[in-house]
Amino acid sequence: MEKPYYTMVELAELMSMSTKGLHNALHNETFPIPTYKLGKFRVADKQVVSYYFEQKRLEGFNKFTTKN
């Protein structure tokens, strides 16, 4: 069974960040995707991450359609 979440290492890689940069953004509450504790690990739900990227994609499309 595939796990339904990303670890912090996986999430940092997906976001093109270092893990230290990700931890700093989480600590400073500037990271845009919510994460949660799962046992002793912090993780991000894959569907939530996917939704975040979908919203960014739609923002990009809207820039093209509302320019005129």
PDB file of N, CA and C in Angstrom:
ATOM      1  N   MET A   1       0.841  -1.191   0.000  1.00  0.00           N
ATOM      2  CA  MET A   1       0.000   0.000   0.000  1.00  0.00           C
ATOM      3  C   MET A   1       0.884   1.251   0.000  1.00  0.00           C
ATOM      4  N   GLU A   2       0.543   2.149  -0.870  1.00  0.00           N
ATOM      5  CA  GLU A   2       1.284   3.409  -0.943  1.00  0.00           C
ATOM      6  C   GLU A   2       0.868   4.314   0.205  1.00  0.00           C
ATOM      7  N   LYS A   3       1.842   4.940   0.825  1.00  0.00           N
ATOM      8  CA  LYS A   3       1.524   5.835   1.942  1.00  0.00           C
ATOM      9  C   LYS A   3       0.848   7.105   1.423  1.00  0.00           C
ATOM     10  N   PRO A   4      -0.128   7.650   2.166  1.00  0.00           N
ATOM     11  CA  PRO A   4      -0.891   8.811   1.704  1.00  0.00           C
ATOM     12  C   PRO A   4      -0.264  10.152   2.072  1.00  0.00           C
ATOM     13  N   TYR A   5       1.005  10.145   2.428  1.00  0.00           N
ATOM     14  CA  TYR A   5       1.655  11.379   2.861  1.00  0.00           C
ATOM     15  C   TYR A   5       3.085  11.447   2.347  1.00  0.00           C
ATOM     16  N   TYR A   6       3.621  12.669   2.380  1.00  0.00           N
ATOM     17  CA  TYR A   6       5.029  12.904   2.075  1.00  0.00           C
ATOM     18  C   TYR A   6       5.778  13.125   3.384  1.00  0.00           C
ATOM     19  N   THR A   7       6.969  12.565   3.477  1.00  0.00           N
ATOM     20  CA  THR A   7       7.835  12.885   4.603  1.00  0.00           C
ATOM     21  C   THR A   7       8.414  14.278   4.365  1.00  0.00           C
ATOM     22  N   MET A   8       9.070  14.826   5.354  1.00  0.00           N
ATOM     23  CA  MET A   8       9.660  16.150   5.194  1.00  0.00           C
ATOM     24  C   MET A   8      10.776  16.126   4.143  1.00  0.00           C
ATOM     25  N   VAL A   9      11.513  15.040   4.056  1.00  0.00           N
ATOM     26  CA  VAL A   9      12.567  14.928   3.032  1.00  0.00           C
ATOM     27  C   VAL A   9      11.926  14.925   1.652  1.00  0.00           C
ATOM     28  N   GLU A  10      10.868  14.152   1.474  1.00  0.00           N
ATOM     29  CA  GLU A  10      10.178  14.087   0.181  1.00  0.00           C
ATOM     30  C   GLU A  10       9.541  15.432  -0.172  1.00  0.00           C
ATOM     31  N   LEU A  11       8.931  16.066   0.823  1.00  0.00           N
ATOM     32  CA  LEU A  11       8.284  17.356   0.586  1.00  0.00           C
ATOM     33  C   LEU A  11       9.316  18.428   0.231  1.00  0.00           C
ATOM     34  N   ALA A  12      10.434  18.440   0.918  1.00  0.00           N
ATOM     35  CA  ALA A  12      11.494  19.405   0.608  1.00  0.00           C
ATOM     36  C   ALA A  12      11.976  19.220  -0.822  1.00  0.00           C
ATOM     37  N   GLU A  13      12.158  17.970  -1.219  1.00  0.00           N
ATOM     38  CA  GLU A  13      12.600  17.694  -2.588  1.00  0.00           C
ATOM     39  C   GLU A  13      11.550  18.150  -3.598  1.00  0.00           C
ATOM     40  N   LEU A  14      10.302  17.866  -3.322  1.00  0.00           N
ATOM     41  CA  LEU A  14       9.214  18.262  -4.209  1.00  0.00           C
ATOM     42  C   LEU A  14       9.140  19.779  -4.362  1.00  0.00           C
ATOM     43  N   MET A  15       9.416  20.501  -3.290  1.00  0.00           N
ATOM     44  CA  MET A  15       9.352  21.961  -3.293  1.00  0.00           C
ATOM     45  C   MET A  15      10.688  22.604  -3.673  1.00  0.00           C
ATOM     46  N   SER A  16      11.676  21.795  -4.034  1.00  0.00           N
ATOM     47  CA  SER A  16      13.026  22.285  -4.379  1.00  0.00           C
ATOM     48  C   SER A  16      13.639  23.105  -3.256  1.00  0.00           C
ATOM     49  N   MET A  17      13.522  22.572  -2.055  1.00  0.00           N
ATOM     50  CA  MET A  17      14.068  23.222  -0.870  1.00  0.00           C
ATOM     51  C   MET A  17      15.005  22.241  -0.168  1.00  0.00           C
ATOM     52  N   SER A  18      15.858  22.780   0.681  1.00  0.00           N
ATOM     53  CA  SER A  18      16.613  21.903   1.568  1.00  0.00           C
ATOM     54  C   SER A  18      15.696  21.515   2.731  1.00  0.00           C
ATOM     55  N   THR A  19      16.016  20.428   3.392  1.00  0.00           N
ATOM     56  CA  THR A  19      15.185  20.054   4.547  1.00  0.00           C
ATOM     57  C   THR A  19      15.311  21.096   5.651  1.00  0.00           C
ATOM     58  N   LYS A  20      16.481  21.685   5.785  1.00  0.00           N
ATOM     59  CA  LYS A  20      16.671  22.744   6.790  1.00  0.00           C
ATOM     60  C   LYS A  20      15.804  23.956   6.445  1.00  0.00           C
ATOM     61  N   GLY A  21      15.766  24.330   5.174  1.00  0.00           N
ATOM     62  CA  GLY A  21      14.913  25.440   4.751  1.00  0.00           C
ATOM     63  C   GLY A  21      13.446  25.149   5.002  1.00  0.00           C
ATOM     64  N   LEU A  22      13.027  23.904   4.764  1.00  0.00           N
ATOM     65  CA  LEU A  22      11.640  23.517   5.032  1.00  0.00           C
ATOM     66  C   LEU A  22      11.341  23.612   6.516  1.00  0.00           C
ATOM     67  N   HIS A  23      12.238  23.090   7.343  1.00  0.00           N
ATOM     68  CA  HIS A  23      12.020  23.161   8.791  1.00  0.00           C
ATOM     69  C   HIS A  23      11.974  24.613   9.270  1.00  0.00           C
ATOM     70  N   ASN A  24      12.824  25.459   8.703  1.00  0.00           N
ATOM     71  CA  ASN A  24      12.798  26.883   9.075  1.00  0.00           C
ATOM     72  C   ASN A  24      11.470  27.521   8.681  1.00  0.00           C
ATOM     73  N   ALA A  25      10.984  27.218   7.473  1.00  0.00           N
ATOM     74  CA  ALA A  25       9.701  27.779   7.021  1.00  0.00           C
ATOM     75  C   ALA A  25       8.553  27.294   7.899  1.00  0.00           C
ATOM     76  N   LEU A  26       8.598  26.042   8.305  1.00  0.00           N
ATOM     77  CA  LEU A  26       7.556  25.527   9.200  1.00  0.00           C
ATOM     78  C   LEU A  26       7.624  26.213  10.558  1.00  0.00           C
ATOM     79  N   HIS A  27       8.831  26.358  11.074  1.00  0.00           N
ATOM     80  CA  HIS A  27       9.006  27.010  12.373  1.00  0.00           C
ATOM     81  C   HIS A  27       8.538  28.471  12.332  1.00  0.00           C
ATOM     82  N   ASN A  28       8.835  29.148  11.235  1.00  0.00           N
ATOM     83  CA  ASN A  28       8.451  30.559  11.085  1.00  0.00           C
ATOM     84  C   ASN A  28       7.013  30.733  10.605  1.00  0.00           C
ATOM     85  N   GLU A  29       6.323  29.612  10.392  1.00  0.00           N
ATOM     86  CA  GLU A  29       4.934  29.603   9.930  1.00  0.00           C
ATOM     87  C   GLU A  29       4.765  30.326   8.595  1.00  0.00           C
ATOM     88  N   THR A  30       5.741  30.150   7.698  1.00  0.00           N
ATOM     89  CA  THR A  30       5.672  30.770   6.372  1.00  0.00           C
ATOM     90  C   THR A  30       5.490  29.729   5.266  1.00  0.00           C
ATOM     91  N   PHE A  31       5.487  28.459   5.627  1.00  0.00           N
ATOM     92  CA  PHE A  31       5.312  27.406   4.628  1.00  0.00           C
ATOM     93  C   PHE A  31       3.837  27.330   4.255  1.00  0.00           C
ATOM     94  N   PRO A  32       3.516  27.337   2.964  1.00  0.00           N
ATOM     95  CA  PRO A  32       2.115  27.466   2.540  1.00  0.00           C
ATOM     96  C   PRO A  32       1.268  26.196   2.631  1.00  0.00           C
ATOM     97  N   ILE A  33       1.888  25.052   2.875  1.00  0.00           N
ATOM     98  CA  ILE A  33       1.145  23.786   2.905  1.00  0.00           C
ATOM     99  C   ILE A  33       1.092  23.281   4.343  1.00  0.00           C
ATOM    100  N   PRO A  34      -0.101  22.955   4.841  1.00  0.00           N
ATOM    101  CA  PRO A  34      -0.185  22.450   6.210  1.00  0.00           C
ATOM    102  C   PRO A  34       0.457  21.070   6.356  1.00  0.00           C
ATOM    103  N   THR A  35       1.082  20.856   7.491  1.00  0.00           N
ATOM    104  CA  THR A  35       1.681  19.568   7.826  1.00  0.00           C
ATOM    105  C   THR A  35       1.132  19.141   9.178  1.00  0.00           C
ATOM    106  N   TYR A  36       1.346  17.888   9.511  1.00  0.00           N
ATOM    107  CA  TYR A  36       0.885  17.401  10.807  1.00  0.00           C
ATOM    108  C   TYR A  36       1.825  16.330  11.322  1.00  0.00           C
ATOM    109  N   LYS A  37       1.729  16.068  12.625  1.00  0.00           N
ATOM    110  CA  LYS A  37       2.553  15.053  13.254  1.00  0.00           C
ATOM    111  C   LYS A  37       1.893  13.691  13.072  1.00  0.00           C
ATOM    112  N   LEU A  38       2.701  12.718  12.705  1.00  0.00           N
ATOM    113  CA  LEU A  38       2.271  11.333  12.593  1.00  0.00           C
ATOM    114  C   LEU A  38       3.281  10.531  13.404  1.00  0.00           C
ATOM    115  N   GLY A  39       2.897  10.210  14.628  1.00  0.00           N
ATOM    116  CA  GLY A  39       3.866   9.611  15.544  1.00  0.00           C
ATOM    117  C   GLY A  39       4.946  10.619  15.852  1.00  0.00           C
ATOM    118  N   LYS A  40       6.203  10.243  15.607  1.00  0.00           N
ATOM    119  CA  LYS A  40       7.294  11.192  15.868  1.00  0.00           C
ATOM    120  C   LYS A  40       7.708  11.967  14.622  1.00  0.00           C
ATOM    121  N   PHE A  41       7.010  11.740  13.515  1.00  0.00           N
ATOM    122  CA  PHE A  41       7.363  12.384  12.254  1.00  0.00           C
ATOM    123  C   PHE A  41       6.370  13.474  11.872  1.00  0.00           C
ATOM    124  N   ARG A  42       6.845  14.476  11.149  1.00  0.00           N
ATOM    125  CA  ARG A  42       5.972  15.492  10.568  1.00  0.00           C
ATOM    126  C   ARG A  42       5.797  15.122   9.105  1.00  0.00           C
ATOM    127  N   VAL A  43       4.558  15.172   8.627  1.00  0.00           N
ATOM    128  CA  VAL A  43       4.248  14.759   7.260  1.00  0.00           C
ATOM    129  C   VAL A  43       3.267  15.744   6.638  1.00  0.00           C
ATOM    130  N   ALA A  44       3.109  15.638   5.322  1.00  0.00           N
ATOM    131  CA  ALA A  44       2.134  16.437   4.576  1.00  0.00           C
ATOM    132  C   ALA A  44       1.281  15.478   3.756  1.00  0.00           C
ATOM    133  N   ASP A  45      -0.018  15.626   3.839  1.00  0.00           N
ATOM    134  CA  ASP A  45      -0.942  14.776   3.104  1.00  0.00           C
ATOM    135  C   ASP A  45      -0.756  14.988   1.602  1.00  0.00           C
ATOM    136  N   LYS A  46      -0.650  13.904   0.847  1.00  0.00           N
ATOM    137  CA  LYS A  46      -0.419  14.007  -0.599  1.00  0.00           C
ATOM    138  C   LYS A  46      -1.558  14.717  -1.308  1.00  0.00           C
ATOM    139  N   GLN A  47      -2.793  14.519  -0.872  1.00  0.00           N
ATOM    140  CA  GLN A  47      -3.927  15.192  -1.519  1.00  0.00           C
ATOM    141  C   GLN A  47      -3.901  16.689  -1.257  1.00  0.00           C
ATOM    142  N   VAL A  48      -3.491  17.088  -0.061  1.00  0.00           N
ATOM    143  CA  VAL A  48      -3.385  18.513   0.267  1.00  0.00           C
ATOM    144  C   VAL A  48      -2.288  19.159  -0.577  1.00  0.00           C
ATOM    145  N   VAL A  49      -1.152  18.478  -0.720  1.00  0.00           N
ATOM    146  CA  VAL A  49      -0.055  18.990  -1.551  1.00  0.00           C
ATOM    147  C   VAL A  49      -0.517  19.106  -2.998  1.00  0.00           C
ATOM    148  N   SER A  50      -1.217  18.096  -3.475  1.00  0.00           N
ATOM    149  CA  SER A  50      -1.737  18.120  -4.840  1.00  0.00           C
ATOM    150  C   SER A  50      -2.701  19.281  -5.031  1.00  0.00           C
ATOM    151  N   TYR A  51      -3.557  19.527  -4.052  1.00  0.00           N
ATOM    152  CA  TYR A  51      -4.507  20.638  -4.120  1.00  0.00           C
ATOM    153  C   TYR A  51      -3.770  21.972  -4.170  1.00  0.00           C
ATOM    154  N   TYR A  52      -2.709  22.107  -3.380  1.00  0.00           N
ATOM    155  CA  TYR A  52      -1.900  23.332  -3.387  1.00  0.00           C
ATOM    156  C   TYR A  52      -1.355  23.606  -4.794  1.00  0.00           C
ATOM    157  N   PHE A  53      -0.799  22.575  -5.437  1.00  0.00           N
ATOM    158  CA  PHE A  53      -0.251  22.755  -6.781  1.00  0.00           C
ATOM    159  C   PHE A  53      -1.353  23.021  -7.797  1.00  0.00           C
ATOM    160  N   GLU A  54      -2.504  22.423  -7.626  1.00  0.00           N
ATOM    161  CA  GLU A  54      -3.632  22.682  -8.530  1.00  0.00           C
ATOM    162  C   GLU A  54      -4.072  24.143  -8.417  1.00  0.00           C
ATOM    163  N   GLN A  55      -4.105  24.677  -7.195  1.00  0.00           N
ATOM    164  CA  GLN A  55      -4.481  26.076  -7.012  1.00  0.00           C
ATOM    165  C   GLN A  55      -3.467  27.003  -7.668  1.00  0.00           C
ATOM    166  N   LYS A  56      -2.190  26.690  -7.545  1.00  0.00           N
ATOM    167  CA  LYS A  56      -1.148  27.488  -8.193  1.00  0.00           C
ATOM    168  C   LYS A  56      -1.285  27.411  -9.716  1.00  0.00           C
ATOM    169  N   ARG A  57      -1.613  26.231 -10.219  1.00  0.00           N
ATOM    170  CA  ARG A  57      -1.823  26.047 -11.652  1.00  0.00           C
ATOM    171  C   ARG A  57      -2.976  26.918 -12.135  1.00  0.00           C
ATOM    172  N   LEU A  58      -4.072  26.926 -11.377  1.00  0.00           N
ATOM    173  CA  LEU A  58      -5.225  27.742 -11.749  1.00  0.00           C
ATOM    174  C   LEU A  58      -4.902  29.230 -11.697  1.00  0.00           C
ATOM    175  N   GLU A  59      -4.093  29.644 -10.720  1.00  0.00           N
ATOM    176  CA  GLU A  59      -3.660  31.043 -10.651  1.00  0.00           C
ATOM    177  C   GLU A  59      -2.904  31.410 -11.926  1.00  0.00           C
ATOM    178  N   GLY A  60      -2.051  30.514 -12.383  1.00  0.00           N
ATOM    179  CA  GLY A  60      -1.302  30.756 -13.618  1.00  0.00           C
ATOM    180  C   GLY A  60      -2.226  30.877 -14.817  1.00  0.00           C
ATOM    181  N   PHE A  61      -3.206  29.978 -14.927  1.00  0.00           N
ATOM    182  CA  PHE A  61      -4.176  30.053 -16.019  1.00  0.00           C
ATOM    183  C   PHE A  61      -4.976  31.349 -15.963  1.00  0.00           C
ATOM    184  N   ASN A  62      -5.342  31.772 -14.773  1.00  0.00           N
ATOM    185  CA  ASN A  62      -6.133  32.997 -14.625  1.00  0.00           C
ATOM    186  C   ASN A  62      -5.374  34.226 -15.096  1.00  0.00           C
ATOM    187  N   LYS A  63      -4.059  34.213 -14.967  1.00  0.00           N
ATOM    188  CA  LYS A  63      -3.265  35.344 -15.445  1.00  0.00           C
ATOM    189  C   LYS A  63      -3.383  35.492 -16.959  1.00  0.00           C
ATOM    190  N   PHE A  64      -3.521  34.374 -17.668  1.00  0.00           N
ATOM    191  CA  PHE A  64      -3.677  34.427 -19.110  1.00  0.00           C
ATOM    192  C   PHE A  64      -5.091  34.846 -19.496  1.00  0.00           C
ATOM    193  N   THR A  65      -6.083  34.386 -18.784  1.00  0.00           N
ATOM    194  CA  THR A  65      -7.466  34.645 -19.178  1.00  0.00           C
ATOM    195  C   THR A  65      -7.968  36.007 -18.731  1.00  0.00           C
ATOM    196  N   THR A  66      -7.365  36.619 -17.718  1.00  0.00           N
ATOM    197  CA  THR A  66      -7.840  37.923 -17.251  1.00  0.00           C
ATOM    198  C   THR A  66      -6.963  39.070 -17.717  1.00  0.00           C
ATOM    199  N   LYS A  67      -5.966  38.791 -18.539  1.00  0.00           N
ATOM    200  CA  LYS A  67      -5.071  39.842 -19.023  1.00  0.00           C
ATOM    201  C   LYS A  67      -5.759  40.801 -19.983  1.00  0.00           C
ATOM    202  N   ASN A  68      -6.669  40.319 -20.767  1.00  0.00           N
ATOM    203  CA  ASN A  68      -7.325  41.167 -21.789  1.00  0.00           C
ATOM    204  C   ASN A  68      -8.449  41.967 -21.229  1.00  0.00           C
TER     205      ASN A  68
END
